[in-house]
């Protein structure tokens, strides 16, 4: 069995649910399950054999008691800690900055505990079973070197001979991303932000267009223009929901990129974030990564608005009735 890890980004979950710890986490399943429980259940079913929780030190005690310790009875668990002060040597926190540095820093925090192909998800999103199976298979193939490096060694333009020097070779990363259908990711209660994906004929990501305030309409989906008119969007577009599959060499890329990000901070230093979609988009533009988009027809859900809570609970009950999950997960 190939080792594969699921990294769950949970460092911000306490603040999103109204407090500094995790005691405020809303239960959605009949046995008190939270959304994260269903993701972990699906990951184990798909074949992942390690979970890494990215949290803050201040929430560790509550998190272990409420979530981590019971999950550790089912699968190997590790912890990584994302803090505002976790910066490379020689860098300091800008005056007035109060929050950590985004999803890129969250994954970088795992570099001491993740040494195998790994997937990344948000703690409070439900993704469905299909994406976990597809991303896991991609990572297994990556571990078995079934996904080729698509950058050939450069050759002499005159002789055509391959250069032997490793110094002139480049690494082209082979990553993946679960793509969800836009209409399956919208809220009934307000606008949402989604990364709309442009995908080439080979099924590879060519661009992510971060789009804010997408609303559900009678025709599908739309955004408001500058003059407040509605611009329709293709409801069948694939979007990113921050479900990625990476190989362990991505950690070095994240480390180098974080230093570059910090060096380029300007007047937005209090709010700037080092984000996975931005990092992936940069690698695509530099032609240093191929990111395979793995489409999923499963319906995403999460609590973007407090009014979403009863819809999520009803959706989980429907999945249980359909036999997708037992009434008690763990």
C-alpha atoms as a PDB file:
ATOM      1  CA  UNK A   1       0.000   0.000   0.000  1.00  0.00           C
ATOM      2  CA  UNK A   2       1.316   3.446  -0.938  1.00  0.00           C
ATOM      3  CA  UNK A   3       1.409   6.042   1.822  1.00  0.00           C
ATOM      4  CA  UNK A   4      -0.819   9.035   1.182  1.00  0.00           C
ATOM      5  CA  UNK A   5      -1.739  11.851   3.547  1.00  0.00           C
ATOM      6  CA  UNK A   6      -4.764  14.098   3.865  1.00  0.00           C
ATOM      7  CA  UNK A   7      -3.930  17.575   5.178  1.00  0.00           C
ATOM      8  CA  UNK A   8      -6.914  19.341   6.747  1.00  0.00           C
ATOM      9  CA  UNK A   9      -6.583  23.104   7.117  1.00  0.00           C
ATOM     10  CA  UNK A  10      -8.338  23.896  10.389  1.00  0.00           C
ATOM     11  CA  UNK A  11      -6.324  26.772  11.884  1.00  0.00           C
ATOM     12  CA  UNK A  12      -9.085  29.297  11.188  1.00  0.00           C
ATOM     13  CA  UNK A  13     -12.055  27.164  12.089  1.00  0.00           C
ATOM     14  CA  UNK A  14     -12.551  28.550  15.599  1.00  0.00           C
ATOM     15  CA  UNK A  15     -12.875  32.159  14.457  1.00  0.00           C
ATOM     16  CA  UNK A  16     -15.289  31.217  11.665  1.00  0.00           C
ATOM     17  CA  UNK A  17     -17.556  29.552  14.214  1.00  0.00           C
ATOM     18  CA  UNK A  18     -17.520  32.409  16.687  1.00  0.00           C
ATOM     19  CA  UNK A  19     -14.627  31.805  19.064  1.00  0.00           C
ATOM     20  CA  UNK A  20     -10.937  31.149  19.538  1.00  0.00           C
ATOM     21  CA  UNK A  21     -11.227  27.426  20.172  1.00  0.00           C
ATOM     22  CA  UNK A  22     -13.291  24.639  18.622  1.00  0.00           C
ATOM     23  CA  UNK A  23     -16.023  24.155  21.232  1.00  0.00           C
ATOM     24  CA  UNK A  24     -18.333  26.200  19.005  1.00  0.00           C
ATOM     25  CA  UNK A  25     -18.196  23.760  16.103  1.00  0.00           C
ATOM     26  CA  UNK A  26     -21.653  23.011  14.785  1.00  0.00           C
ATOM     27  CA  UNK A  27     -22.810  19.393  14.656  1.00  0.00           C
ATOM     28  CA  UNK A  28     -24.566  18.256  11.496  1.00  0.00           C
ATOM     29  CA  UNK A  29     -24.889  14.472  11.719  1.00  0.00           C
ATOM     30  CA  UNK A  30     -27.342  12.516  13.895  1.00  0.00           C
ATOM     31  CA  UNK A  31     -24.482  11.386  16.127  1.00  0.00           C
ATOM     32  CA  UNK A  32     -23.109  14.907  16.576  1.00  0.00           C
ATOM     33  CA  UNK A  33     -20.729  14.634  13.598  1.00  0.00           C
ATOM     34  CA  UNK A  34     -19.187  17.783  12.167  1.00  0.00           C
ATOM     35  CA  UNK A  35     -18.477  18.262   8.450  1.00  0.00           C
ATOM     36  CA  UNK A  36     -14.837  17.295   8.938  1.00  0.00           C
ATOM     37  CA  UNK A  37     -15.870  13.840  10.155  1.00  0.00           C
ATOM     38  CA  UNK A  38     -17.448  13.044   6.790  1.00  0.00           C
ATOM     39  CA  UNK A  39     -14.338  14.128   4.906  1.00  0.00           C
ATOM     40  CA  UNK A  40     -12.145  11.931   7.104  1.00  0.00           C
ATOM     41  CA  UNK A  41     -14.517   8.988   6.665  1.00  0.00           C
ATOM     42  CA  UNK A  42     -14.388   9.426   2.872  1.00  0.00           C
ATOM     43  CA  UNK A  43     -10.592   9.780   2.906  1.00  0.00           C
ATOM     44  CA  UNK A  44     -10.115   6.539   4.852  1.00  0.00           C
ATOM     45  CA  UNK A  45     -12.534   4.769   2.507  1.00  0.00           C
ATOM     46  CA  UNK A  46     -10.559   6.073  -0.502  1.00  0.00           C
ATOM     47  CA  UNK A  47      -7.267   4.734   0.882  1.00  0.00           C
ATOM     48  CA  UNK A  48      -5.536   7.614   2.693  1.00  0.00           C
ATOM     49  CA  UNK A  49      -3.587   6.317   5.681  1.00  0.00           C
ATOM     50  CA  UNK A  50      -2.532   9.484   7.520  1.00  0.00           C
ATOM     51  CA  UNK A  51      -4.297  12.679   8.564  1.00  0.00           C
ATOM     52  CA  UNK A  52      -2.457  15.920   9.339  1.00  0.00           C
ATOM     53  CA  UNK A  53      -4.459  18.607  11.104  1.00  0.00           C
ATOM     54  CA  UNK A  54      -3.185  22.157  10.648  1.00  0.00           C
ATOM     55  CA  UNK A  55      -4.312  24.094  13.719  1.00  0.00           C
ATOM     56  CA  UNK A  56      -3.153  26.856  16.071  1.00  0.00           C
ATOM     57  CA  UNK A  57      -1.401  26.098  19.344  1.00  0.00           C
ATOM     58  CA  UNK A  58      -4.168  27.890  21.261  1.00  0.00           C
ATOM     59  CA  UNK A  59      -6.790  25.407  20.050  1.00  0.00           C
ATOM     60  CA  UNK A  60      -4.726  22.214  20.469  1.00  0.00           C
ATOM     61  CA  UNK A  61      -6.216  21.023  23.770  1.00  0.00           C
ATOM     62  CA  UNK A  62      -9.845  21.440  22.657  1.00  0.00           C
ATOM     63  CA  UNK A  63      -9.127  20.073  19.191  1.00  0.00           C
ATOM     64  CA  UNK A  64      -7.512  16.892  20.485  1.00  0.00           C
ATOM     65  CA  UNK A  65     -10.328  16.273  22.955  1.00  0.00           C
ATOM     66  CA  UNK A  66     -13.196  16.949  20.535  1.00  0.00           C
ATOM     67  CA  UNK A  67     -11.765  15.708  17.226  1.00  0.00           C
ATOM     68  CA  UNK A  68      -8.185  14.479  17.112  1.00  0.00           C
ATOM     69  CA  UNK A  69      -8.144  11.792  19.792  1.00  0.00           C
ATOM     70  CA  UNK A  70     -11.181   9.931  18.449  1.00  0.00           C
ATOM     71  CA  UNK A  71      -9.912  10.143  14.843  1.00  0.00           C
ATOM     72  CA  UNK A  72      -6.550   8.768  15.992  1.00  0.00           C
ATOM     73  CA  UNK A  73      -8.352   5.515  16.880  1.00  0.00           C
ATOM     74  CA  UNK A  74      -9.124   5.034  13.168  1.00  0.00           C
ATOM     75  CA  UNK A  75      -6.080   6.416  11.335  1.00  0.00           C
ATOM     76  CA  UNK A  76      -2.587   7.743  12.053  1.00  0.00           C
ATOM     77  CA  UNK A  77      -2.815  11.425  13.057  1.00  0.00           C
ATOM     78  CA  UNK A  78      -0.175  14.169  13.102  1.00  0.00           C
ATOM     79  CA  UNK A  79      -0.411  17.877  13.901  1.00  0.00           C
ATOM     80  CA  UNK A  80       1.125  20.963  12.344  1.00  0.00           C
ATOM     81  CA  UNK A  81       0.781  24.473  13.708  1.00  0.00           C
ATOM     82  CA  UNK A  82       0.136  27.620  11.706  1.00  0.00           C
ATOM     83  CA  UNK A  83       0.990  30.815  13.545  1.00  0.00           C
ATOM     84  CA  UNK A  84       1.421  34.409  12.464  1.00  0.00           C
ATOM     85  CA  UNK A  85       4.961  34.419  13.854  1.00  0.00           C
ATOM     86  CA  UNK A  86       6.110  31.367  11.863  1.00  0.00           C
ATOM     87  CA  UNK A  87       8.381  33.247   9.464  1.00  0.00           C
ATOM     88  CA  UNK A  88      11.773  32.520   7.878  1.00  0.00           C
ATOM     89  CA  UNK A  89      14.871  33.780   9.680  1.00  0.00           C
ATOM     90  CA  UNK A  90      15.336  37.509   9.273  1.00  0.00           C
ATOM     91  CA  UNK A  91      11.638  38.332   8.802  1.00  0.00           C
ATOM     92  CA  UNK A  92       9.248  39.832  11.348  1.00  0.00           C
ATOM     93  CA  UNK A  93       5.509  40.363  11.613  1.00  0.00           C
ATOM     94  CA  UNK A  94       4.426  43.698  10.079  1.00  0.00           C
ATOM     95  CA  UNK A  95       2.968  46.196  12.514  1.00  0.00           C
ATOM     96  CA  UNK A  96      -0.781  45.757  12.830  1.00  0.00           C
ATOM     97  CA  UNK A  97      -0.877  42.241  11.344  1.00  0.00           C
ATOM     98  CA  UNK A  98      -3.113  39.912  13.407  1.00  0.00           C
ATOM     99  CA  UNK A  99      -3.890  36.859  11.239  1.00  0.00           C
ATOM    100  CA  UNK A 100      -1.696  34.102   9.743  1.00  0.00           C
ATOM    101  CA  UNK A 101      -0.550  34.190   6.135  1.00  0.00           C
ATOM    102  CA  UNK A 102      -3.067  32.021   4.277  1.00  0.00           C
ATOM    103  CA  UNK A 103      -3.331  28.519   2.871  1.00  0.00           C
ATOM    104  CA  UNK A 104       0.182  28.449   1.412  1.00  0.00           C
ATOM    105  CA  UNK A 105       1.657  29.028   4.863  1.00  0.00           C
ATOM    106  CA  UNK A 106      -0.730  26.429   6.310  1.00  0.00           C
ATOM    107  CA  UNK A 107       0.700  23.724   4.057  1.00  0.00           C
ATOM    108  CA  UNK A 108       4.265  24.938   4.589  1.00  0.00           C
ATOM    109  CA  UNK A 109       3.698  24.365   8.315  1.00  0.00           C
ATOM    110  CA  UNK A 110       3.421  20.619   7.501  1.00  0.00           C
ATOM    111  CA  UNK A 111       6.902  20.258   6.005  1.00  0.00           C
ATOM    112  CA  UNK A 112       8.275  18.335   9.009  1.00  0.00           C
ATOM    113  CA  UNK A 113       5.436  15.768   9.056  1.00  0.00           C
ATOM    114  CA  UNK A 114       4.480  15.299   5.370  1.00  0.00           C
ATOM    115  CA  UNK A 115       6.955  13.340   3.242  1.00  0.00           C
ATOM    116  CA  UNK A 116       4.574  11.501   0.893  1.00  0.00           C
ATOM    117  CA  UNK A 117       2.009  12.514  -1.769  1.00  0.00           C
ATOM    118  CA  UNK A 118      -0.743  14.460  -0.046  1.00  0.00           C
ATOM    119  CA  UNK A 119      -4.154  16.015  -0.561  1.00  0.00           C
ATOM    120  CA  UNK A 120      -5.322  19.294   0.939  1.00  0.00           C
ATOM    121  CA  UNK A 121      -8.854  20.269   1.969  1.00  0.00           C
ATOM    122  CA  UNK A 122     -10.659  22.871   4.057  1.00  0.00           C
ATOM    123  CA  UNK A 123     -11.926  21.679   7.429  1.00  0.00           C
ATOM    124  CA  UNK A 124     -15.456  22.988   7.037  1.00  0.00           C
ATOM    125  CA  UNK A 125     -16.355  21.981   3.470  1.00  0.00           C
ATOM    126  CA  UNK A 126     -18.129  18.795   2.407  1.00  0.00           C
ATOM    127  CA  UNK A 127     -16.691  17.458  -0.861  1.00  0.00           C
ATOM    128  CA  UNK A 128     -18.297  14.054  -1.462  1.00  0.00           C
ATOM    129  CA  UNK A 129     -16.757  10.642  -2.023  1.00  0.00           C
ATOM    130  CA  UNK A 130     -15.914  10.924  -5.714  1.00  0.00           C
ATOM    131  CA  UNK A 131     -13.232  13.581  -5.309  1.00  0.00           C
ATOM    132  CA  UNK A 132     -11.412  11.640  -2.572  1.00  0.00           C
ATOM    133  CA  UNK A 133     -11.206   8.496  -4.695  1.00  0.00           C
ATOM    134  CA  UNK A 134      -9.989  10.374  -7.784  1.00  0.00           C
ATOM    135  CA  UNK A 135      -7.394  12.470  -5.966  1.00  0.00           C
ATOM    136  CA  UNK A 136      -6.128   9.446  -4.031  1.00  0.00           C
ATOM    137  CA  UNK A 137      -5.650   7.448  -7.242  1.00  0.00           C
ATOM    138  CA  UNK A 138      -3.745  10.355  -8.795  1.00  0.00           C
ATOM    139  CA  UNK A 139      -1.428  10.489  -5.775  1.00  0.00           C
ATOM    140  CA  UNK A 140      -0.834   6.728  -5.867  1.00  0.00           C
ATOM    141  CA  UNK A 141       0.067   7.005  -9.546  1.00  0.00           C
ATOM    142  CA  UNK A 142       2.406   9.889  -8.715  1.00  0.00           C
ATOM    143  CA  UNK A 143       4.095   7.775  -6.021  1.00  0.00           C
ATOM    144  CA  UNK A 144       4.554   4.959  -8.528  1.00  0.00           C
ATOM    145  CA  UNK A 145       5.999   7.379 -11.104  1.00  0.00           C
ATOM    146  CA  UNK A 146       3.179   6.704 -13.543  1.00  0.00           C
ATOM    147  CA  UNK A 147       2.818  10.439 -14.146  1.00  0.00           C
ATOM    148  CA  UNK A 148       5.748  11.477 -16.347  1.00  0.00           C
ATOM    149  CA  UNK A 149       7.817  14.631 -16.042  1.00  0.00           C
ATOM    150  CA  UNK A 150       6.660  16.519 -19.118  1.00  0.00           C
ATOM    151  CA  UNK A 151       9.635  18.843 -19.459  1.00  0.00           C
ATOM    152  CA  UNK A 152      12.273  17.103 -21.614  1.00  0.00           C
ATOM    153  CA  UNK A 153      15.921  17.719 -20.918  1.00  0.00           C
ATOM    154  CA  UNK A 154      16.982  20.696 -23.060  1.00  0.00           C
ATOM    155  CA  UNK A 155      18.993  19.992 -26.189  1.00  0.00           C
ATOM    156  CA  UNK A 156      21.634  21.860 -28.115  1.00  0.00           C
ATOM    157  CA  UNK A 157      19.843  23.869 -30.840  1.00  0.00           C
ATOM    158  CA  UNK A 158      22.546  22.995 -33.379  1.00  0.00           C
ATOM    159  CA  UNK A 159      23.434  19.357 -32.711  1.00  0.00           C
ATOM    160  CA  UNK A 160      20.139  18.301 -31.126  1.00  0.00           C
ATOM    161  CA  UNK A 161      22.073  16.415 -28.418  1.00  0.00           C
ATOM    162  CA  UNK A 162      20.643  16.352 -24.926  1.00  0.00           C
ATOM    163  CA  UNK A 163      22.495  18.408 -22.342  1.00  0.00           C
ATOM    164  CA  UNK A 164      23.829  16.144 -19.621  1.00  0.00           C
ATOM    165  CA  UNK A 165      24.233  18.818 -16.954  1.00  0.00           C
ATOM    166  CA  UNK A 166      21.606  18.612 -14.242  1.00  0.00           C
ATOM    167  CA  UNK A 167      22.013  22.353 -13.718  1.00  0.00           C
ATOM    168  CA  UNK A 168      20.099  23.115 -16.896  1.00  0.00           C
ATOM    169  CA  UNK A 169      17.224  20.735 -16.176  1.00  0.00           C
ATOM    170  CA  UNK A 170      13.955  22.008 -14.813  1.00  0.00           C
ATOM    171  CA  UNK A 171      11.383  20.418 -12.551  1.00  0.00           C
ATOM    172  CA  UNK A 172       7.842  20.380 -13.833  1.00  0.00           C
ATOM    173  CA  UNK A 173       5.459  19.516 -11.063  1.00  0.00           C
ATOM    174  CA  UNK A 174       2.592  17.082 -11.588  1.00  0.00           C
ATOM    175  CA  UNK A 175      -0.297  18.068  -9.330  1.00  0.00           C
ATOM    176  CA  UNK A 176      -4.061  17.666  -9.392  1.00  0.00           C
ATOM    177  CA  UNK A 177      -7.150  19.523  -8.292  1.00  0.00           C
ATOM    178  CA  UNK A 178     -10.705  18.334  -7.730  1.00  0.00           C
ATOM    179  CA  UNK A 179     -13.035  20.377  -9.923  1.00  0.00           C
ATOM    180  CA  UNK A 180     -16.641  20.908  -8.837  1.00  0.00           C
ATOM    181  CA  UNK A 181     -19.522  22.041 -11.027  1.00  0.00           C
ATOM    182  CA  UNK A 182     -20.359  25.658 -10.212  1.00  0.00           C
ATOM    183  CA  UNK A 183     -24.114  25.109  -9.842  1.00  0.00           C
ATOM    184  CA  UNK A 184     -23.379  22.418  -7.244  1.00  0.00           C
ATOM    185  CA  UNK A 185     -21.441  24.840  -5.032  1.00  0.00           C
ATOM    186  CA  UNK A 186     -23.777  27.825  -4.653  1.00  0.00           C
ATOM    187  CA  UNK A 187     -25.592  29.054  -1.563  1.00  0.00           C
ATOM    188  CA  UNK A 188     -29.261  29.912  -1.389  1.00  0.00           C
ATOM    189  CA  UNK A 189     -28.501  32.775   0.977  1.00  0.00           C
ATOM    190  CA  UNK A 190     -25.961  35.041  -0.719  1.00  0.00           C
ATOM    191  CA  UNK A 191     -22.895  35.437  -2.878  1.00  0.00           C
ATOM    192  CA  UNK A 192     -19.872  33.145  -2.698  1.00  0.00           C
ATOM    193  CA  UNK A 193     -16.294  33.314  -3.967  1.00  0.00           C
ATOM    194  CA  UNK A 194     -15.189  30.587  -6.348  1.00  0.00           C
ATOM    195  CA  UNK A 195     -12.095  29.980  -8.451  1.00  0.00           C
ATOM    196  CA  UNK A 196     -13.522  29.419 -11.941  1.00  0.00           C
ATOM    197  CA  UNK A 197     -11.240  27.070 -13.850  1.00  0.00           C
ATOM    198  CA  UNK A 198     -10.160  27.179 -17.455  1.00  0.00           C
ATOM    199  CA  UNK A 199      -9.271  23.663 -18.546  1.00  0.00           C
ATOM    200  CA  UNK A 200      -7.487  22.643 -21.754  1.00  0.00           C
ATOM    201  CA  UNK A 201      -8.288  19.706 -24.027  1.00  0.00           C
ATOM    202  CA  UNK A 202      -5.978  17.454 -22.007  1.00  0.00           C
ATOM    203  CA  UNK A 203      -8.033  18.091 -18.876  1.00  0.00           C
ATOM    204  CA  UNK A 204      -5.311  20.248 -17.348  1.00  0.00           C
ATOM    205  CA  UNK A 205      -5.795  23.553 -15.592  1.00  0.00           C
ATOM    206  CA  UNK A 206      -4.714  26.589 -17.612  1.00  0.00           C
ATOM    207  CA  UNK A 207      -6.017  29.376 -15.365  1.00  0.00           C
ATOM    208  CA  UNK A 208      -8.007  30.048 -12.196  1.00  0.00           C
ATOM    209  CA  UNK A 209     -10.201  33.137 -12.212  1.00  0.00           C
ATOM    210  CA  UNK A 210     -10.977  34.103  -8.618  1.00  0.00           C
ATOM    211  CA  UNK A 211     -14.557  35.397  -8.809  1.00  0.00           C
ATOM    212  CA  UNK A 212     -16.337  37.032  -5.873  1.00  0.00           C
ATOM    213  CA  UNK A 213     -20.031  37.330  -5.018  1.00  0.00           C
ATOM    214  CA  UNK A 214     -21.377  34.644  -7.359  1.00  0.00           C
ATOM    215  CA  UNK A 215     -25.107  34.302  -6.764  1.00  0.00           C
ATOM    216  CA  UNK A 216     -27.611  31.626  -7.633  1.00  0.00           C
ATOM    217  CA  UNK A 217     -30.169  32.697 -10.244  1.00  0.00           C
ATOM    218  CA  UNK A 218     -33.171  31.120 -11.940  1.00  0.00           C
ATOM    219  CA  UNK A 219     -30.938  30.479 -14.966  1.00  0.00           C
ATOM    220  CA  UNK A 220     -27.958  29.173 -13.016  1.00  0.00           C
ATOM    221  CA  UNK A 221     -25.360  31.652 -11.751  1.00  0.00           C
ATOM    222  CA  UNK A 222     -24.278  35.247 -12.193  1.00  0.00           C
ATOM    223  CA  UNK A 223     -22.167  38.089 -10.810  1.00  0.00           C
ATOM    224  CA  UNK A 224     -22.911  41.785 -10.633  1.00  0.00           C
ATOM    225  CA  UNK A 225     -20.990  44.136 -12.935  1.00  0.00           C
ATOM    226  CA  UNK A 226     -19.647  47.547 -11.907  1.00  0.00           C
ATOM    227  CA  UNK A 227     -22.944  49.152 -12.945  1.00  0.00           C
ATOM    228  CA  UNK A 228     -24.944  46.595 -10.911  1.00  0.00           C
ATOM    229  CA  UNK A 229     -26.209  44.628 -13.910  1.00  0.00           C
ATOM    230  CA  UNK A 230     -26.083  40.833 -13.771  1.00  0.00           C
ATOM    231  CA  UNK A 231     -23.462  39.016 -15.819  1.00  0.00           C
ATOM    232  CA  UNK A 232     -24.463  35.364 -16.351  1.00  0.00           C
ATOM    233  CA  UNK A 233     -21.931  32.610 -15.709  1.00  0.00           C
ATOM    234  CA  UNK A 234     -21.913  29.113 -17.123  1.00  0.00           C
ATOM    235  CA  UNK A 235     -23.432  27.036 -14.290  1.00  0.00           C
ATOM    236  CA  UNK A 236     -21.592  23.954 -15.582  1.00  0.00           C
ATOM    237  CA  UNK A 237     -18.153  25.584 -15.238  1.00  0.00           C
ATOM    238  CA  UNK A 238     -15.643  23.739 -13.105  1.00  0.00           C
ATOM    239  CA  UNK A 239     -14.524  25.569  -9.982  1.00  0.00           C
ATOM    240  CA  UNK A 240     -11.838  25.074  -7.370  1.00  0.00           C
ATOM    241  CA  UNK A 241     -12.949  24.409  -3.805  1.00  0.00           C
ATOM    242  CA  UNK A 242      -9.412  24.186  -2.374  1.00  0.00           C
ATOM    243  CA  UNK A 243      -9.138  20.406  -2.789  1.00  0.00           C
ATOM    244  CA  UNK A 244      -5.629  19.812  -4.145  1.00  0.00           C
ATOM    245  CA  UNK A 245      -3.275  16.882  -4.661  1.00  0.00           C
ATOM    246  CA  UNK A 246       0.469  17.561  -4.350  1.00  0.00           C
ATOM    247  CA  UNK A 247       3.732  15.642  -4.378  1.00  0.00           C
ATOM    248  CA  UNK A 248       6.137  16.214  -1.452  1.00  0.00           C
ATOM    249  CA  UNK A 249       8.575  18.259  -3.569  1.00  0.00           C
ATOM    250  CA  UNK A 250       5.965  21.027  -3.436  1.00  0.00           C
ATOM    251  CA  UNK A 251       7.182  21.863   0.087  1.00  0.00           C
ATOM    252  CA  UNK A 252      10.467  23.269  -1.216  1.00  0.00           C
ATOM    253  CA  UNK A 253       8.557  25.323  -3.773  1.00  0.00           C
ATOM    254  CA  UNK A 254       6.309  26.695  -1.016  1.00  0.00           C
ATOM    255  CA  UNK A 255       9.311  27.580   1.136  1.00  0.00           C
ATOM    256  CA  UNK A 256      11.064  29.512  -1.625  1.00  0.00           C
ATOM    257  CA  UNK A 257       7.825  31.145  -2.732  1.00  0.00           C
ATOM    258  CA  UNK A 258       6.993  32.299   0.790  1.00  0.00           C
ATOM    259  CA  UNK A 259      10.263  34.201   1.010  1.00  0.00           C
ATOM    260  CA  UNK A 260       9.528  35.842  -2.344  1.00  0.00           C
ATOM    261  CA  UNK A 261       6.008  36.694  -1.145  1.00  0.00           C
ATOM    262  CA  UNK A 262       7.369  38.346   2.022  1.00  0.00           C
ATOM    263  CA  UNK A 263       9.969  40.282   0.039  1.00  0.00           C
ATOM    264  CA  UNK A 264       7.235  41.738  -2.160  1.00  0.00           C
ATOM    265  CA  UNK A 265       4.944  42.903   0.659  1.00  0.00           C
ATOM    266  CA  UNK A 266       3.837  46.521   0.292  1.00  0.00           C
ATOM    267  CA  UNK A 267       1.204  48.704   1.922  1.00  0.00           C
ATOM    268  CA  UNK A 268      -1.098  45.642   2.033  1.00  0.00           C
ATOM    269  CA  UNK A 269       1.225  43.820   4.435  1.00  0.00           C
ATOM    270  CA  UNK A 270      -1.461  43.731   7.151  1.00  0.00           C
ATOM    271  CA  UNK A 271      -3.862  41.716   4.973  1.00  0.00           C
ATOM    272  CA  UNK A 272      -1.844  40.043   2.169  1.00  0.00           C
ATOM    273  CA  UNK A 273      -2.205  36.253   1.993  1.00  0.00           C
ATOM    274  CA  UNK A 274      -0.005  33.521   0.539  1.00  0.00           C
ATOM    275  CA  UNK A 275      -2.707  31.416  -1.139  1.00  0.00           C
ATOM    276  CA  UNK A 276      -2.648  28.033  -2.881  1.00  0.00           C
ATOM    277  CA  UNK A 277      -4.689  29.165  -5.947  1.00  0.00           C
ATOM    278  CA  UNK A 278      -2.317  32.109  -6.469  1.00  0.00           C
ATOM    279  CA  UNK A 279       0.731  29.852  -6.113  1.00  0.00           C
ATOM    280  CA  UNK A 280      -0.736  27.308  -8.545  1.00  0.00           C
ATOM    281  CA  UNK A 281      -1.606  30.039 -11.044  1.00  0.00           C
ATOM    282  CA  UNK A 282       1.961  31.369 -10.905  1.00  0.00           C
ATOM    283  CA  UNK A 283       3.414  27.922 -11.564  1.00  0.00           C
ATOM    284  CA  UNK A 284       1.064  27.536 -14.541  1.00  0.00           C
ATOM    285  CA  UNK A 285       2.049  30.905 -16.003  1.00  0.00           C
ATOM    286  CA  UNK A 286       5.729  30.011 -15.581  1.00  0.00           C
ATOM    287  CA  UNK A 287       5.039  26.645 -17.250  1.00  0.00           C
ATOM    288  CA  UNK A 288       6.496  24.812 -14.265  1.00  0.00           C
ATOM    289  CA  UNK A 289       3.464  22.691 -13.389  1.00  0.00           C
ATOM    290  CA  UNK A 290       0.805  20.548 -14.987  1.00  0.00           C
ATOM    291  CA  UNK A 291      -2.317  20.448 -12.832  1.00  0.00           C
ATOM    292  CA  UNK A 292      -4.819  17.776 -13.800  1.00  0.00           C
ATOM    293  CA  UNK A 293      -8.419  18.731 -13.067  1.00  0.00           C
ATOM    294  CA  UNK A 294     -10.431  15.780 -11.767  1.00  0.00           C
ATOM    295  CA  UNK A 295     -14.140  16.582 -12.268  1.00  0.00           C
ATOM    296  CA  UNK A 296     -16.611  15.593  -9.570  1.00  0.00           C
ATOM    297  CA  UNK A 297     -20.390  15.574  -9.911  1.00  0.00           C
ATOM    298  CA  UNK A 298     -20.897  15.448  -6.161  1.00  0.00           C
ATOM    299  CA  UNK A 299     -22.678  18.377  -4.544  1.00  0.00           C
ATOM    300  CA  UNK A 300     -20.473  20.487  -2.330  1.00  0.00           C
ATOM    301  CA  UNK A 301     -21.889  22.103   0.755  1.00  0.00           C
ATOM    302  CA  UNK A 302     -20.612  24.183   3.600  1.00  0.00           C
ATOM    303  CA  UNK A 303     -21.655  26.904   5.978  1.00  0.00           C
ATOM    304  CA  UNK A 304     -20.930  30.154   4.197  1.00  0.00           C
ATOM    305  CA  UNK A 305     -23.905  31.779   5.934  1.00  0.00           C
ATOM    306  CA  UNK A 306     -25.524  30.847   9.241  1.00  0.00           C
ATOM    307  CA  UNK A 307     -28.729  30.214   7.280  1.00  0.00           C
ATOM    308  CA  UNK A 308     -26.940  27.346   5.498  1.00  0.00           C
ATOM    309  CA  UNK A 309     -26.889  25.220   8.684  1.00  0.00           C
ATOM    310  CA  UNK A 310     -30.335  23.565   8.314  1.00  0.00           C
ATOM    311  CA  UNK A 311     -29.662  22.878   4.616  1.00  0.00           C
ATOM    312  CA  UNK A 312     -26.398  21.123   5.454  1.00  0.00           C
ATOM    313  CA  UNK A 313     -28.085  19.040   8.158  1.00  0.00           C
ATOM    314  CA  UNK A 314     -30.872  18.032   5.755  1.00  0.00           C
ATOM    315  CA  UNK A 315     -28.316  17.187   3.040  1.00  0.00           C
ATOM    316  CA  UNK A 316     -26.405  14.878   5.384  1.00  0.00           C
ATOM    317  CA  UNK A 317     -29.598  13.137   6.462  1.00  0.00           C
ATOM    318  CA  UNK A 318     -30.433  12.559   2.783  1.00  0.00           C
ATOM    319  CA  UNK A 319     -26.984  11.016   2.217  1.00  0.00           C
ATOM    320  CA  UNK A 320     -27.535   8.698   5.190  1.00  0.00           C
ATOM    321  CA  UNK A 321     -30.946   7.683   3.868  1.00  0.00           C
ATOM    322  CA  UNK A 322     -29.337   6.933   0.498  1.00  0.00           C
ATOM    323  CA  UNK A 323     -26.875   4.582   2.195  1.00  0.00           C
ATOM    324  CA  UNK A 324     -23.784   6.749   1.583  1.00  0.00           C
ATOM    325  CA  UNK A 325     -22.969   6.942   5.304  1.00  0.00           C
ATOM    326  CA  UNK A 326     -23.922   5.042   8.464  1.00  0.00           C
ATOM    327  CA  UNK A 327     -25.843   6.970  11.111  1.00  0.00           C
ATOM    328  CA  UNK A 328     -22.795   6.869  13.388  1.00  0.00           C
ATOM    329  CA  UNK A 329     -19.474   7.372  11.591  1.00  0.00           C
ATOM    330  CA  UNK A 330     -16.851   6.576  14.219  1.00  0.00           C
END
